[in-house]
Amino acid sequence: MATAAAQNDPRHTLPLRDTRTQLFVANLPYRVRWQDLKDLFRRAGTVLRADVSLGPDNRSRGYGTVLLATAEDVWKSGLIVSEILTSRSRKRKSLFLLRARTVL
């Protein structure tokens, strides 16, 4: 039987699991900035960070990353992107979520 002191000992507690997940978003329109990306993915959940890659001329390179708080937010973001794809015409660019990975 464990004592109260042993239960409160920090050496016996499990480390907290990091649930943050980063998405790589490609095929962005060149006019999209990090604020636009953050606003879009905010519909899915908590956005911790959004970045759009810029070239030396300070123009968008057409891709970026979004750091979401949980894996559930990533799942919701997939629904949002599929909603965008179905609402856009074939002449416009479509967003692609290429990779989701848990931040280590």
N, C-alpha and C. Protein backbone atom coordinates (compact mmCIF):
# COMPACT_ATOMS: atom_id res chain seq x y z
N MET A 1 0.84 -1.18 0.00
CA MET A 1 0.00 0.00 0.00
C MET A 1 0.89 1.24 0.00
N ALA A 2 0.63 2.18 -0.89
CA ALA A 2 1.45 3.37 -1.03
C ALA A 2 1.08 4.39 0.03
N THR A 3 2.10 5.05 0.52
CA THR A 3 1.85 6.08 1.52
C THR A 3 1.54 7.40 0.83
N ALA A 4 0.98 8.34 1.57
CA ALA A 4 0.63 9.65 1.01
C ALA A 4 1.89 10.37 0.53
N ALA A 5 2.99 10.21 1.23
CA ALA A 5 4.24 10.87 0.83
C ALA A 5 4.73 10.32 -0.51
N ALA A 6 4.61 9.00 -0.71
CA ALA A 6 5.05 8.39 -1.95
C ALA A 6 4.17 8.82 -3.13
N GLN A 7 2.88 9.02 -2.88
CA GLN A 7 1.97 9.44 -3.95
C GLN A 7 2.26 10.87 -4.39
N ASN A 8 2.74 11.71 -3.51
CA ASN A 8 3.03 13.10 -3.84
C ASN A 8 4.47 13.32 -4.30
N ASP A 9 5.27 12.27 -4.30
CA ASP A 9 6.67 12.37 -4.71
C ASP A 9 6.75 12.59 -6.22
N PRO A 10 7.38 13.69 -6.67
CA PRO A 10 7.45 13.97 -8.11
C PRO A 10 8.18 12.91 -8.92
N ARG A 11 9.01 12.11 -8.27
CA ARG A 11 9.72 11.05 -9.00
C ARG A 11 8.77 9.94 -9.42
N HIS A 12 7.60 9.84 -8.80
CA HIS A 12 6.65 8.77 -9.10
C HIS A 12 5.53 9.20 -10.02
N THR A 13 5.56 10.42 -10.51
CA THR A 13 4.51 10.88 -11.42
C THR A 13 4.99 10.73 -12.86
N LEU A 14 4.07 10.47 -13.74
CA LEU A 14 4.40 10.33 -15.15
C LEU A 14 4.55 11.72 -15.77
N PRO A 15 5.44 11.86 -16.72
CA PRO A 15 5.56 13.17 -17.38
C PRO A 15 4.30 13.45 -18.19
N LEU A 16 3.96 14.73 -18.30
CA LEU A 16 2.79 15.11 -19.09
C LEU A 16 3.07 14.88 -20.56
N ARG A 17 2.07 14.40 -21.26
CA ARG A 17 2.21 14.11 -22.68
C ARG A 17 2.00 15.39 -23.48
N ASP A 18 2.90 15.66 -24.40
CA ASP A 18 2.79 16.83 -25.26
C ASP A 18 1.83 16.49 -26.40
N THR A 19 0.72 17.21 -26.50
CA THR A 19 -0.29 16.90 -27.51
C THR A 19 -0.23 17.84 -28.71
N ARG A 20 0.73 18.76 -28.71
CA ARG A 20 0.83 19.70 -29.83
C ARG A 20 1.13 18.95 -31.12
N THR A 21 0.52 19.40 -32.20
CA THR A 21 0.74 18.77 -33.50
C THR A 21 0.94 19.85 -34.55
N GLN A 22 1.92 19.65 -35.40
CA GLN A 22 2.24 20.63 -36.43
C GLN A 22 1.77 20.13 -37.79
N LEU A 23 1.12 21.01 -38.54
CA LEU A 23 0.66 20.70 -39.89
C LEU A 23 1.52 21.47 -40.90
N PHE A 24 1.79 20.82 -42.00
CA PHE A 24 2.44 21.49 -43.13
C PHE A 24 1.34 21.74 -44.15
N VAL A 25 1.14 22.99 -44.52
CA VAL A 25 0.07 23.38 -45.43
C VAL A 25 0.70 23.89 -46.71
N ALA A 26 0.37 23.25 -47.84
CA ALA A 26 0.96 23.63 -49.12
C ALA A 26 -0.09 24.18 -50.07
N ASN A 27 0.39 24.78 -51.13
CA ASN A 27 -0.45 25.32 -52.19
C ASN A 27 -1.27 26.52 -51.72
N LEU A 28 -0.68 27.30 -50.85
CA LEU A 28 -1.35 28.51 -50.36
C LEU A 28 -1.32 29.60 -51.43
N PRO A 29 -2.38 30.38 -51.54
CA PRO A 29 -2.30 31.54 -52.43
C PRO A 29 -1.18 32.46 -51.94
N TYR A 30 -0.50 33.12 -52.85
CA TYR A 30 0.66 33.93 -52.49
C TYR A 30 0.31 35.15 -51.64
N ARG A 31 -0.94 35.54 -51.63
CA ARG A 31 -1.35 36.70 -50.82
C ARG A 31 -1.64 36.33 -49.36
N VAL A 32 -1.66 35.04 -49.03
CA VAL A 32 -1.95 34.59 -47.67
C VAL A 32 -0.78 34.92 -46.75
N ARG A 33 -1.09 35.48 -45.60
CA ARG A 33 -0.10 35.79 -44.57
C ARG A 33 -0.37 34.89 -43.36
N TRP A 34 0.53 34.93 -42.39
CA TRP A 34 0.39 34.05 -41.22
C TRP A 34 -0.90 34.34 -40.48
N GLN A 35 -1.36 35.59 -40.46
CA GLN A 35 -2.59 35.94 -39.75
C GLN A 35 -3.79 35.26 -40.41
N ASP A 36 -3.80 35.20 -41.74
CA ASP A 36 -4.89 34.53 -42.46
C ASP A 36 -4.91 33.04 -42.16
N LEU A 37 -3.73 32.44 -42.14
CA LEU A 37 -3.62 31.01 -41.85
C LEU A 37 -4.11 30.72 -40.43
N LYS A 38 -3.73 31.56 -39.49
CA LYS A 38 -4.14 31.38 -38.10
C LYS A 38 -5.66 31.54 -37.97
N ASP A 39 -6.22 32.54 -38.65
CA ASP A 39 -7.67 32.74 -38.59
C ASP A 39 -8.43 31.56 -39.18
N LEU A 40 -7.93 30.99 -40.26
CA LEU A 40 -8.58 29.85 -40.88
C LEU A 40 -8.59 28.64 -39.95
N PHE A 41 -7.43 28.31 -39.39
CA PHE A 41 -7.33 27.12 -38.56
C PHE A 41 -7.86 27.33 -37.15
N ARG A 42 -8.11 28.55 -36.76
CA ARG A 42 -8.73 28.82 -35.46
C ARG A 42 -10.12 28.20 -35.39
N ARG A 43 -10.76 28.03 -36.53
CA ARG A 43 -12.07 27.37 -36.58
C ARG A 43 -11.98 25.92 -36.11
N ALA A 44 -10.80 25.32 -36.20
CA ALA A 44 -10.60 23.93 -35.81
C ALA A 44 -10.27 23.77 -34.33
N GLY A 45 -9.69 24.79 -33.73
CA GLY A 45 -9.30 24.67 -32.33
C GLY A 45 -8.26 25.71 -31.97
N THR A 46 -7.45 25.36 -31.00
CA THR A 46 -6.44 26.29 -30.49
C THR A 46 -5.20 26.29 -31.38
N VAL A 47 -4.93 27.42 -32.00
CA VAL A 47 -3.74 27.58 -32.84
C VAL A 47 -2.67 28.23 -31.97
N LEU A 48 -1.57 27.52 -31.79
CA LEU A 48 -0.47 28.04 -30.99
C LEU A 48 0.48 28.90 -31.82
N ARG A 49 0.59 28.59 -33.12
CA ARG A 49 1.48 29.34 -33.99
C ARG A 49 1.12 29.05 -35.44
N ALA A 50 1.23 30.04 -36.28
CA ALA A 50 1.05 29.87 -37.72
C ALA A 50 2.15 30.66 -38.43
N ASP A 51 2.77 30.05 -39.41
CA ASP A 51 3.84 30.69 -40.17
C ASP A 51 3.63 30.44 -41.66
N VAL A 52 3.94 31.44 -42.46
CA VAL A 52 3.98 31.30 -43.91
C VAL A 52 5.43 31.57 -44.32
N SER A 53 5.98 30.66 -45.10
CA SER A 53 7.37 30.80 -45.53
C SER A 53 7.48 31.95 -46.53
N LEU A 54 8.46 32.82 -46.28
CA LEU A 54 8.70 33.97 -47.15
C LEU A 54 10.06 33.85 -47.82
N GLY A 55 10.14 34.32 -49.06
CA GLY A 55 11.40 34.33 -49.79
C GLY A 55 12.21 35.56 -49.43
N PRO A 56 13.39 35.71 -50.03
CA PRO A 56 14.25 36.86 -49.75
C PRO A 56 13.60 38.19 -50.12
N ASP A 57 12.65 38.14 -51.04
CA ASP A 57 11.95 39.36 -51.45
C ASP A 57 10.71 39.63 -50.60
N ASN A 58 10.56 38.86 -49.52
CA ASN A 58 9.45 38.99 -48.56
C ASN A 58 8.10 38.60 -49.16
N ARG A 59 8.12 37.82 -50.24
CA ARG A 59 6.90 37.29 -50.83
C ARG A 59 6.70 35.86 -50.35
N SER A 60 5.44 35.46 -50.26
CA SER A 60 5.12 34.11 -49.82
C SER A 60 5.68 33.08 -50.80
N ARG A 61 6.12 31.97 -50.25
CA ARG A 61 6.58 30.85 -51.08
C ARG A 61 5.44 29.87 -51.35
N GLY A 62 4.26 30.12 -50.79
CA GLY A 62 3.11 29.28 -51.07
C GLY A 62 2.92 28.11 -50.13
N TYR A 63 3.65 28.09 -49.02
CA TYR A 63 3.45 27.04 -48.03
C TYR A 63 3.70 27.59 -46.64
N GLY A 64 3.22 26.85 -45.64
CA GLY A 64 3.41 27.29 -44.26
C GLY A 64 3.17 26.16 -43.29
N THR A 65 3.24 26.48 -42.02
CA THR A 65 2.99 25.51 -40.96
C THR A 65 2.01 26.10 -39.95
N VAL A 66 1.27 25.20 -39.32
CA VAL A 66 0.33 25.58 -38.27
C VAL A 66 0.56 24.63 -37.10
N LEU A 67 0.76 25.18 -35.92
CA LEU A 67 0.94 24.38 -34.72
C LEU A 67 -0.37 24.41 -33.94
N LEU A 68 -1.01 23.25 -33.80
CA LEU A 68 -2.28 23.13 -33.10
C LEU A 68 -2.06 22.47 -31.74
N ALA A 69 -2.95 22.77 -30.80
CA ALA A 69 -2.77 22.33 -29.42
C ALA A 69 -2.98 20.84 -29.24
N THR A 70 -3.92 20.24 -29.96
CA THR A 70 -4.24 18.83 -29.74
C THR A 70 -4.41 18.09 -31.06
N ALA A 71 -4.35 16.77 -31.00
CA ALA A 71 -4.59 15.94 -32.18
C ALA A 71 -6.04 16.06 -32.63
N GLU A 72 -6.95 16.30 -31.71
CA GLU A 72 -8.36 16.50 -32.07
C GLU A 72 -8.52 17.74 -32.95
N ASP A 73 -7.75 18.79 -32.65
CA ASP A 73 -7.78 20.00 -33.47
C ASP A 73 -7.30 19.71 -34.89
N VAL A 74 -6.35 18.80 -35.02
CA VAL A 74 -5.85 18.42 -36.34
C VAL A 74 -6.95 17.72 -37.12
N TRP A 75 -7.67 16.83 -36.47
CA TRP A 75 -8.78 16.12 -37.12
C TRP A 75 -9.83 17.12 -37.59
N LYS A 76 -10.18 18.08 -36.75
CA LYS A 76 -11.15 19.11 -37.13
C LYS A 76 -10.64 19.96 -38.29
N SER A 77 -9.34 20.23 -38.31
CA SER A 77 -8.77 21.04 -39.39
C SER A 77 -8.91 20.32 -40.73
N GLY A 78 -8.82 19.00 -40.72
CA GLY A 78 -9.03 18.24 -41.95
C GLY A 78 -10.43 18.43 -42.49
N LEU A 79 -11.41 18.51 -41.61
CA LEU A 79 -12.78 18.75 -42.02
C LEU A 79 -12.94 20.15 -42.62
N ILE A 80 -12.28 21.12 -42.02
CA ILE A 80 -12.36 22.49 -42.52
C ILE A 80 -11.73 22.59 -43.90
N VAL A 81 -10.57 21.97 -44.09
CA VAL A 81 -9.91 22.03 -45.38
C VAL A 81 -10.76 21.32 -46.44
N SER A 82 -11.36 20.18 -46.10
CA SER A 82 -12.21 19.49 -47.08
C SER A 82 -13.43 20.34 -47.42
N GLU A 83 -13.94 21.09 -46.45
CA GLU A 83 -15.05 22.00 -46.70
C GLU A 83 -14.62 23.10 -47.68
N ILE A 84 -13.41 23.61 -47.52
CA ILE A 84 -12.88 24.64 -48.42
C ILE A 84 -12.72 24.07 -49.83
N LEU A 85 -12.21 22.85 -49.91
CA LEU A 85 -11.98 22.25 -51.22
C LEU A 85 -13.28 22.03 -51.98
N THR A 86 -14.33 21.65 -51.29
CA THR A 86 -15.60 21.40 -51.97
C THR A 86 -16.30 22.70 -52.35
N SER A 87 -15.98 23.80 -51.66
CA SER A 87 -16.64 25.06 -51.96
C SER A 87 -15.91 25.88 -53.02
N ARG A 88 -14.68 25.53 -53.36
CA ARG A 88 -13.90 26.28 -54.35
C ARG A 88 -14.13 25.73 -55.75
N SER A 89 -14.00 26.61 -56.71
CA SER A 89 -14.10 26.16 -58.10
C SER A 89 -12.78 25.49 -58.50
N ARG A 90 -12.78 24.80 -59.62
CA ARG A 90 -11.58 24.10 -60.07
C ARG A 90 -10.49 25.06 -60.54
N LYS A 91 -10.85 26.30 -60.84
CA LYS A 91 -9.87 27.26 -61.33
C LYS A 91 -9.00 27.83 -60.22
N ARG A 92 -9.44 27.72 -58.97
CA ARG A 92 -8.69 28.29 -57.85
C ARG A 92 -7.77 27.26 -57.24
N LYS A 93 -6.78 27.73 -56.53
CA LYS A 93 -5.86 26.84 -55.82
C LYS A 93 -6.59 26.11 -54.71
N SER A 94 -6.16 24.90 -54.44
CA SER A 94 -6.72 24.12 -53.33
C SER A 94 -5.64 23.93 -52.28
N LEU A 95 -6.02 24.05 -51.02
CA LEU A 95 -5.06 23.82 -49.93
C LEU A 95 -4.80 22.34 -49.77
N PHE A 96 -3.59 22.01 -49.39
CA PHE A 96 -3.25 20.62 -49.11
C PHE A 96 -2.60 20.54 -47.74
N LEU A 97 -3.10 19.64 -46.91
CA LEU A 97 -2.43 19.32 -45.65
C LEU A 97 -1.55 18.12 -45.95
N LEU A 98 -0.28 18.35 -46.00
CA LEU A 98 0.61 17.28 -46.42
C LEU A 98 1.07 16.38 -45.28
N ARG A 99 1.18 16.94 -44.09
CA ARG A 99 1.74 16.12 -43.02
C ARG A 99 1.31 16.65 -41.67
N ALA A 100 0.98 15.77 -40.81
CA ALA A 100 0.73 16.14 -39.41
C ALA A 100 1.69 15.30 -38.56
N ARG A 101 2.37 15.97 -37.64
CA ARG A 101 3.27 15.23 -36.75
C ARG A 101 3.20 15.82 -35.37
N THR A 102 3.32 14.96 -34.40
CA THR A 102 3.32 15.40 -33.01
C THR A 102 4.67 16.02 -32.72
N VAL A 103 4.65 17.16 -32.07
CA VAL A 103 5.88 17.87 -31.72
C VAL A 103 6.56 17.11 -30.59
N LEU A 104 7.85 16.89 -30.74
CA LEU A 104 8.60 16.14 -29.71
C LEU A 104 9.37 17.08 -28.83
